[in-house]
């Protein structure tokens, strides 16, 4: 993917506020996408590979929230061939 040139606000406070806002948006998008994938039957390894992180990292970040949201999580023994 080619790099996208984006204007950086001249005021450092504005630039940093934009970075913080983008991080919050990225986190919200990740939460929604991971929940959608898990509801569709994906396993932790698939989600981790798609995000470019380890299975342990994605599980640690999302498992409690998904359980609280009522998402049925697959166990290793539930893996389908």
PDB file of N, CA and C in Angstrom:
ATOM      1  N   UNK A   1       0.857  -1.170   0.000  1.00  0.00           N
ATOM      2  CA  UNK A   1       0.000   0.000   0.000  1.00  0.00           C
ATOM      3  C   UNK A   1       0.902   1.231   0.000  1.00  0.00           C
ATOM      4  N   UNK A   2       0.683   2.153  -0.920  1.00  0.00           N
ATOM      5  CA  UNK A   2       1.518   3.357  -0.978  1.00  0.00           C
ATOM      6  C   UNK A   2       1.247   4.275   0.209  1.00  0.00           C
ATOM      7  N   UNK A   3       2.297   4.985   0.605  1.00  0.00           N
ATOM      8  CA  UNK A   3       2.147   5.938   1.709  1.00  0.00           C
ATOM      9  C   UNK A   3       1.234   7.075   1.274  1.00  0.00           C
ATOM     10  N   UNK A   4       0.423   7.515   2.190  1.00  0.00           N
ATOM     11  CA  UNK A   4      -0.500   8.613   1.924  1.00  0.00           C
ATOM     12  C   UNK A   4       0.039   9.860   2.612  1.00  0.00           C
ATOM     13  N   UNK A   5       0.241  10.886   1.841  1.00  0.00           N
ATOM     14  CA  UNK A   5       0.665  12.158   2.409  1.00  0.00           C
ATOM     15  C   UNK A   5      -0.543  12.813   3.049  1.00  0.00           C
ATOM     16  N   UNK A   6      -0.402  13.165   4.315  1.00  0.00           N
ATOM     17  CA  UNK A   6      -1.502  13.852   4.981  1.00  0.00           C
ATOM     18  C   UNK A   6      -0.942  15.083   5.672  1.00  0.00           C
ATOM     19  N   UNK A   7      -1.686  16.147   5.600  1.00  0.00           N
ATOM     20  CA  UNK A   7      -1.209  17.379   6.222  1.00  0.00           C
ATOM     21  C   UNK A   7      -1.182  17.244   7.745  1.00  0.00           C
ATOM     22  N   UNK A   8      -0.134  17.739   8.335  1.00  0.00           N
ATOM     23  CA  UNK A   8      -0.003  17.741   9.792  1.00  0.00           C
ATOM     24  C   UNK A   8      -0.340  19.146  10.265  1.00  0.00           C
ATOM     25  N   UNK A   9      -1.261  19.245  11.216  1.00  0.00           N
ATOM     26  CA  UNK A   9      -1.582  20.580  11.729  1.00  0.00           C
ATOM     27  C   UNK A   9      -0.319  21.299  12.215  1.00  0.00           C
ATOM     28  N   UNK A  10      -0.272  22.600  12.018  1.00  0.00           N
ATOM     29  CA  UNK A  10       0.889  23.393  12.426  1.00  0.00           C
ATOM     30  C   UNK A  10       1.050  23.463  13.941  1.00  0.00           C
ATOM     31  N   UNK A  11      -0.043  23.500  14.637  1.00  0.00           N
ATOM     32  CA  UNK A  11      -0.009  23.568  16.102  1.00  0.00           C
ATOM     33  C   UNK A  11       0.216  22.162  16.658  1.00  0.00           C
ATOM     34  N   UNK A  12       1.286  21.943  17.434  1.00  0.00           N
ATOM     35  CA  UNK A  12       1.537  20.609  17.984  1.00  0.00           C
ATOM     36  C   UNK A  12       0.366  20.052  18.795  1.00  0.00           C
ATOM     37  N   UNK A  13      -0.334  20.902  19.508  1.00  0.00           N
ATOM     38  CA  UNK A  13      -1.488  20.433  20.293  1.00  0.00           C
ATOM     39  C   UNK A  13      -2.559  19.867  19.375  1.00  0.00           C
ATOM     40  N   UNK A  14      -2.806  20.529  18.248  1.00  0.00           N
ATOM     41  CA  UNK A  14      -3.790  20.036  17.283  1.00  0.00           C
ATOM     42  C   UNK A  14      -3.322  18.725  16.654  1.00  0.00           C
ATOM     43  N   UNK A  15      -2.029  18.646  16.336  1.00  0.00           N
ATOM     44  CA  UNK A  15      -1.492  17.430  15.728  1.00  0.00           C
ATOM     45  C   UNK A  15      -1.617  16.249  16.687  1.00  0.00           C
ATOM     46  N   UNK A  16      -1.277  16.463  17.946  1.00  0.00           N
ATOM     47  CA  UNK A  16      -1.359  15.385  18.930  1.00  0.00           C
ATOM     48  C   UNK A  16      -2.805  14.991  19.232  1.00  0.00           C
ATOM     49  N   UNK A  17      -3.689  15.974  19.230  1.00  0.00           N
ATOM     50  CA  UNK A  17      -5.111  15.678  19.435  1.00  0.00           C
ATOM     51  C   UNK A  17      -5.638  14.819  18.276  1.00  0.00           C
ATOM     52  N   UNK A  18      -5.176  15.101  17.066  1.00  0.00           N
ATOM     53  CA  UNK A  18      -5.583  14.308  15.904  1.00  0.00           C
ATOM     54  C   UNK A  18      -5.081  12.874  16.026  1.00  0.00           C
ATOM     55  N   UNK A  19      -3.839  12.702  16.467  1.00  0.00           N
ATOM     56  CA  UNK A  19      -3.286  11.362  16.668  1.00  0.00           C
ATOM     57  C   UNK A  19      -4.106  10.601  17.705  1.00  0.00           C
ATOM     58  N   UNK A  20      -4.427  11.239  18.811  1.00  0.00           N
ATOM     59  CA  UNK A  20      -5.215  10.585  19.864  1.00  0.00           C
ATOM     60  C   UNK A  20      -6.596  10.187  19.341  1.00  0.00           C
ATOM     61  N   UNK A  21      -7.213  11.064  18.564  1.00  0.00           N
ATOM     62  CA  UNK A  21      -8.537  10.766  18.005  1.00  0.00           C
ATOM     63  C   UNK A  21      -8.462   9.585  17.042  1.00  0.00           C
ATOM     64  N   UNK A  22      -7.419   9.533  16.226  1.00  0.00           N
ATOM     65  CA  UNK A  22      -7.262   8.418  15.288  1.00  0.00           C
ATOM     66  C   UNK A  22      -7.027   7.107  16.030  1.00  0.00           C
ATOM     67  N   UNK A  23      -6.274   7.144  17.119  1.00  0.00           N
ATOM     68  CA  UNK A  23      -6.068   5.928  17.916  1.00  0.00           C
ATOM     69  C   UNK A  23      -7.375   5.425  18.506  1.00  0.00           C
ATOM     70  N   UNK A  24      -8.188   6.353  19.021  1.00  0.00           N
ATOM     71  CA  UNK A  24      -9.492   5.944  19.575  1.00  0.00           C
ATOM     72  C   UNK A  24     -10.357   5.319  18.480  1.00  0.00           C
ATOM     73  N   UNK A  25     -10.365   5.926  17.296  1.00  0.00           N
ATOM     74  CA  UNK A  25     -11.148   5.389  16.188  1.00  0.00           C
ATOM     75  C   UNK A  25     -10.630   4.016  15.774  1.00  0.00           C
ATOM     76  N   UNK A  26      -9.310   3.868  15.681  1.00  0.00           N
ATOM     77  CA  UNK A  26      -8.734   2.574  15.315  1.00  0.00           C
ATOM     78  C   UNK A  26      -9.118   1.508  16.340  1.00  0.00           C
ATOM     79  N   UNK A  27      -9.082   1.836  17.623  1.00  0.00           N
ATOM     80  CA  UNK A  27      -9.474   0.885  18.666  1.00  0.00           C
ATOM     81  C   UNK A  27     -10.941   0.488  18.530  1.00  0.00           C
ATOM     82  N   UNK A  28     -11.797   1.450  18.249  1.00  0.00           N
ATOM     83  CA  UNK A  28     -13.228   1.155  18.083  1.00  0.00           C
ATOM     84  C   UNK A  28     -13.451   0.255  16.869  1.00  0.00           C
ATOM     85  N   UNK A  29     -12.755   0.539  15.772  1.00  0.00           N
ATOM     86  CA  UNK A  29     -12.886  -0.290  14.567  1.00  0.00           C
ATOM     87  C   UNK A  29     -12.381  -1.710  14.821  1.00  0.00           C
ATOM     88  N   UNK A  30     -11.267  -1.817  15.539  1.00  0.00           N
ATOM     89  CA  UNK A  30     -10.726  -3.136  15.864  1.00  0.00           C
ATOM     90  C   UNK A  30     -11.699  -3.912  16.744  1.00  0.00           C
ATOM     91  N   UNK A  31     -12.232  -3.275  17.778  1.00  0.00           N
ATOM     92  CA  UNK A  31     -13.197  -3.941  18.658  1.00  0.00           C
ATOM     93  C   UNK A  31     -14.379  -4.488  17.858  1.00  0.00           C
ATOM     94  N   UNK A  32     -14.932  -3.663  16.983  1.00  0.00           N
ATOM     95  CA  UNK A  32     -16.098  -4.076  16.198  1.00  0.00           C
ATOM     96  C   UNK A  32     -15.741  -5.204  15.233  1.00  0.00           C
ATOM     97  N   UNK A  33     -14.587  -5.111  14.586  1.00  0.00           N
ATOM     98  CA  UNK A  33     -14.184  -6.129  13.616  1.00  0.00           C
ATOM     99  C   UNK A  33     -13.886  -7.455  14.296  1.00  0.00           C
ATOM    100  N   UNK A  34     -13.222  -7.418  15.454  1.00  0.00           N
ATOM    101  CA  UNK A  34     -12.925  -8.650  16.181  1.00  0.00           C
ATOM    102  C   UNK A  34     -14.228  -9.296  16.653  1.00  0.00           C
ATOM    103  N   UNK A  35     -15.138  -8.498  17.173  1.00  0.00           N
ATOM    104  CA  UNK A  35     -16.424  -9.060  17.606  1.00  0.00           C
ATOM    105  C   UNK A  35     -17.172  -9.679  16.428  1.00  0.00           C
ATOM    106  N   UNK A  36     -17.179  -9.000  15.308  1.00  0.00           N
ATOM    107  CA  UNK A  36     -17.855  -9.525  14.114  1.00  0.00           C
ATOM    108  C   UNK A  36     -17.222 -10.853  13.683  1.00  0.00           C
ATOM    109  N   UNK A  37     -15.910 -10.908  13.674  1.00  0.00           N
ATOM    110  CA  UNK A  37     -15.216 -12.129  13.267  1.00  0.00           C
ATOM    111  C   UNK A  37     -15.518 -13.276  14.219  1.00  0.00           C
ATOM    112  N   UNK A  38     -15.474 -13.006  15.515  1.00  0.00           N
ATOM    113  CA  UNK A  38     -15.732 -14.062  16.485  1.00  0.00           C
ATOM    114  C   UNK A  38     -17.178 -14.544  16.417  1.00  0.00           C
ATOM    115  N   UNK A  39     -18.113 -13.629  16.200  1.00  0.00           N
ATOM    116  CA  UNK A  39     -19.524 -14.033  16.045  1.00  0.00           C
ATOM    117  C   UNK A  39     -19.724 -14.863  14.772  1.00  0.00           C
ATOM    118  N   UNK A  40     -18.852 -14.641  13.782  1.00  0.00           N
ATOM    119  CA  UNK A  40     -18.931 -15.391  12.523  1.00  0.00           C
ATOM    120  C   UNK A  40     -18.208 -16.737  12.608  1.00  0.00           C
ATOM    121  N   UNK A  41     -17.655 -17.052  13.798  1.00  0.00           N
ATOM    122  CA  UNK A  41     -17.032 -18.344  13.987  1.00  0.00           C
ATOM    123  C   UNK A  41     -15.524 -18.391  13.814  1.00  0.00           C
ATOM    124  N   UNK A  42     -14.901 -17.253  13.644  1.00  0.00           N
ATOM    125  CA  UNK A  42     -13.442 -17.232  13.539  1.00  0.00           C
ATOM    126  C   UNK A  42     -12.839 -17.631  14.872  1.00  0.00           C
ATOM    127  N   UNK A  43     -11.647 -18.174  14.822  1.00  0.00           N
ATOM    128  CA  UNK A  43     -10.898 -18.492  16.025  1.00  0.00           C
ATOM    129  C   UNK A  43      -9.842 -17.435  16.282  1.00  0.00           C
ATOM    130  N   UNK A  44      -9.250 -17.522  17.486  1.00  0.00           N
ATOM    131  CA  UNK A  44      -8.205 -16.561  17.852  1.00  0.00           C
ATOM    132  C   UNK A  44      -7.042 -16.547  16.860  1.00  0.00           C
ATOM    133  N   UNK A  45      -6.587 -17.709  16.374  1.00  0.00           N
ATOM    134  CA  UNK A  45      -5.470 -17.675  15.429  1.00  0.00           C
ATOM    135  C   UNK A  45      -5.791 -16.908  14.141  1.00  0.00           C
ATOM    136  N   UNK A  46      -7.016 -17.064  13.631  1.00  0.00           N
ATOM    137  CA  UNK A  46      -7.412 -16.345  12.416  1.00  0.00           C
ATOM    138  C   UNK A  46      -7.445 -14.840  12.650  1.00  0.00           C
ATOM    139  N   UNK A  47      -8.032 -14.436  13.761  1.00  0.00           N
ATOM    140  CA  UNK A  47      -8.125 -13.009  14.078  1.00  0.00           C
ATOM    141  C   UNK A  47      -6.730 -12.436  14.276  1.00  0.00           C
ATOM    142  N   UNK A  48      -5.895 -13.159  15.008  1.00  0.00           N
ATOM    143  CA  UNK A  48      -4.535 -12.689  15.264  1.00  0.00           C
ATOM    144  C   UNK A  48      -3.759 -12.511  13.963  1.00  0.00           C
ATOM    145  N   UNK A  49      -3.864 -13.481  13.069  1.00  0.00           N
ATOM    146  CA  UNK A  49      -3.151 -13.383  11.791  1.00  0.00           C
ATOM    147  C   UNK A  49      -3.632 -12.175  10.989  1.00  0.00           C
ATOM    148  N   UNK A  50      -4.938 -11.960  10.965  1.00  0.00           N
ATOM    149  CA  UNK A  50      -5.492 -10.828  10.218  1.00  0.00           C
ATOM    150  C   UNK A  50      -5.018  -9.491  10.773  1.00  0.00           C
ATOM    151  N   UNK A  51      -4.810  -9.433  12.091  1.00  0.00           N
ATOM    152  CA  UNK A  51      -4.363  -8.194  12.737  1.00  0.00           C
ATOM    153  C   UNK A  51      -2.842  -8.075  12.796  1.00  0.00           C
ATOM    154  N   UNK A  52      -2.143  -9.152  12.480  1.00  0.00           N
ATOM    155  CA  UNK A  52      -0.689  -9.122  12.523  1.00  0.00           C
ATOM    156  C   UNK A  52      -0.119  -9.133  13.933  1.00  0.00           C
ATOM    157  N   UNK A  53      -0.825  -9.810  14.830  1.00  0.00           N
ATOM    158  CA  UNK A  53      -0.381  -9.929  16.217  1.00  0.00           C
ATOM    159  C   UNK A  53      -0.441 -11.395  16.615  1.00  0.00           C
ATOM    160  N   UNK A  54      -0.014 -11.712  17.840  1.00  0.00           N
ATOM    161  CA  UNK A  54      -0.092 -13.094  18.307  1.00  0.00           C
ATOM    162  C   UNK A  54      -1.501 -13.416  18.793  1.00  0.00           C
ATOM    163  N   UNK A  55      -1.780 -14.708  18.839  1.00  0.00           N
ATOM    164  CA  UNK A  55      -3.072 -15.169  19.356  1.00  0.00           C
ATOM    165  C   UNK A  55      -3.227 -14.729  20.808  1.00  0.00           C
ATOM    166  N   UNK A  56      -2.142 -14.824  21.560  1.00  0.00           N
ATOM    167  CA  UNK A  56      -2.191 -14.438  22.964  1.00  0.00           C
ATOM    168  C   UNK A  56      -2.507 -12.955  23.122  1.00  0.00           C
ATOM    169  N   UNK A  57      -1.921 -12.120  22.268  1.00  0.00           N
ATOM    170  CA  UNK A  57      -2.144 -10.674  22.364  1.00  0.00           C
ATOM    171  C   UNK A  57      -3.596 -10.320  22.070  1.00  0.00           C
ATOM    172  N   UNK A  58      -4.163 -10.924  21.035  1.00  0.00           N
ATOM    173  CA  UNK A  58      -5.546 -10.595  20.680  1.00  0.00           C
ATOM    174  C   UNK A  58      -6.505 -11.142  21.737  1.00  0.00           C
ATOM    175  N   UNK A  59      -6.204 -12.315  22.281  1.00  0.00           N
ATOM    176  CA  UNK A  59      -7.045 -12.880  23.330  1.00  0.00           C
ATOM    177  C   UNK A  59      -7.014 -11.992  24.574  1.00  0.00           C
ATOM    178  N   UNK A  60      -5.826 -11.589  24.987  1.00  0.00           N
ATOM    179  CA  UNK A  60      -5.683 -10.745  26.172  1.00  0.00           C
ATOM    180  C   UNK A  60      -6.431  -9.425  26.015  1.00  0.00           C
ATOM    181  N   UNK A  61      -6.379  -8.857  24.819  1.00  0.00           N
ATOM    182  CA  UNK A  61      -6.994  -7.551  24.586  1.00  0.00           C
ATOM    183  C   UNK A  61      -8.512  -7.628  24.494  1.00  0.00           C
ATOM    184  N   UNK A  62      -9.054  -8.722  23.947  1.00  0.00           N
ATOM    185  CA  UNK A  62     -10.473  -8.734  23.599  1.00  0.00           C
ATOM    186  C   UNK A  62     -11.350  -9.745  24.345  1.00  0.00           C
ATOM    187  N   UNK A  63     -10.790 -10.763  24.957  1.00  0.00           N
ATOM    188  CA  UNK A  63     -11.603 -11.854  25.498  1.00  0.00           C
ATOM    189  C   UNK A  63     -12.629 -11.395  26.533  1.00  0.00           C
ATOM    190  N   UNK A  64     -12.207 -10.639  27.521  1.00  0.00           N
ATOM    191  CA  UNK A  64     -13.140 -10.225  28.582  1.00  0.00           C
ATOM    192  C   UNK A  64     -14.296  -9.409  28.013  1.00  0.00           C
ATOM    193  N   UNK A  65     -13.982  -8.493  27.094  1.00  0.00           N
ATOM    194  CA  UNK A  65     -15.028  -7.651  26.505  1.00  0.00           C
ATOM    195  C   UNK A  65     -16.009  -8.501  25.693  1.00  0.00           C
ATOM    196  N   UNK A  66     -15.490  -9.456  24.946  1.00  0.00           N
ATOM    197  CA  UNK A  66     -16.354 -10.307  24.131  1.00  0.00           C
ATOM    198  C   UNK A  66     -17.250 -11.186  24.996  1.00  0.00           C
ATOM    199  N   UNK A  67     -16.689 -11.735  26.062  1.00  0.00           N
ATOM    200  CA  UNK A  67     -17.496 -12.547  26.979  1.00  0.00           C
ATOM    201  C   UNK A  67     -18.605 -11.700  27.585  1.00  0.00           C
ATOM    202  N   UNK A  68     -18.262 -10.490  28.005  1.00  0.00           N
ATOM    203  CA  UNK A  68     -19.262  -9.587  28.586  1.00  0.00           C
ATOM    204  C   UNK A  68     -20.345  -9.227  27.566  1.00  0.00           C
ATOM    205  N   UNK A  69     -19.993  -9.217  26.278  1.00  0.00           N
ATOM    206  CA  UNK A  69     -20.955  -8.898  25.220  1.00  0.00           C
ATOM    207  C   UNK A  69     -21.779 -10.120  24.810  1.00  0.00           C
ATOM    208  N   UNK A  70     -21.506 -11.266  25.445  1.00  0.00           N
ATOM    209  CA  UNK A  70     -22.280 -12.466  25.144  1.00  0.00           C
ATOM    210  C   UNK A  70     -21.821 -13.225  23.921  1.00  0.00           C
ATOM    211  N   UNK A  71     -20.601 -12.967  23.480  1.00  0.00           N
ATOM    212  CA  UNK A  71     -20.069 -13.684  22.319  1.00  0.00           C
ATOM    213  C   UNK A  71     -19.578 -15.045  22.778  1.00  0.00           C
ATOM    214  N   UNK A  72     -20.029 -16.093  22.084  1.00  0.00           N
ATOM    215  CA  UNK A  72     -19.577 -17.442  22.408  1.00  0.00           C
ATOM    216  C   UNK A  72     -18.213 -17.646  21.764  1.00  0.00           C
ATOM    217  N   UNK A  73     -17.204 -17.842  22.608  1.00  0.00           N
ATOM    218  CA  UNK A  73     -15.842 -17.991  22.117  1.00  0.00           C
ATOM    219  C   UNK A  73     -15.515 -19.455  21.916  1.00  0.00           C
ATOM    220  N   UNK A  74     -14.824 -19.734  20.813  1.00  0.00           N
ATOM    221  CA  UNK A  74     -14.421 -21.105  20.522  1.00  0.00           C
ATOM    222  C   UNK A  74     -13.219 -21.478  21.364  1.00  0.00           C
ATOM    223  N   UNK A  75     -13.188 -22.698  21.779  1.00  0.00           N
ATOM    224  CA  UNK A  75     -12.041 -23.255  22.498  1.00  0.00           C
ATOM    225  C   UNK A  75     -11.175 -23.987  21.485  1.00  0.00           C
ATOM    226  N   UNK A  76      -9.941 -24.289  21.848  1.00  0.00           N
ATOM    227  CA  UNK A  76      -9.052 -25.001  20.925  1.00  0.00           C
ATOM    228  C   UNK A  76      -9.655 -26.315  20.466  1.00  0.00           C
ATOM    229  N   UNK A  77     -10.355 -27.011  21.353  1.00  0.00           N
ATOM    230  CA  UNK A  77     -10.964 -28.285  20.979  1.00  0.00           C
ATOM    231  C   UNK A  77     -12.145 -28.118  20.037  1.00  0.00           C
ATOM    232  N   UNK A  78     -12.629 -26.858  19.875  1.00  0.00           N
ATOM    233  CA  UNK A  78     -13.744 -26.580  18.985  1.00  0.00           C
ATOM    234  C   UNK A  78     -13.294 -26.294  17.556  1.00  0.00           C
ATOM    235  N   UNK A  79     -11.986 -26.324  17.296  1.00  0.00           N
ATOM    236  CA  UNK A  79     -11.472 -25.961  15.978  1.00  0.00           C
ATOM    237  C   UNK A  79     -12.031 -26.913  14.944  1.00  0.00           C
ATOM    238  N   UNK A  80     -12.535 -26.320  13.893  1.00  0.00           N
ATOM    239  CA  UNK A  80     -13.132 -27.119  12.801  1.00  0.00           C
ATOM    240  C   UNK A  80     -12.096 -27.336  11.722  1.00  0.00           C
ATOM    241  N   UNK A  81     -12.072 -28.532  11.141  1.00  0.00           N
ATOM    242  CA  UNK A  81     -11.139 -28.814  10.049  1.00  0.00           C
ATOM    243  C   UNK A  81     -11.800 -28.608   8.731  1.00  0.00           C
TER     244      UNK A  81
END
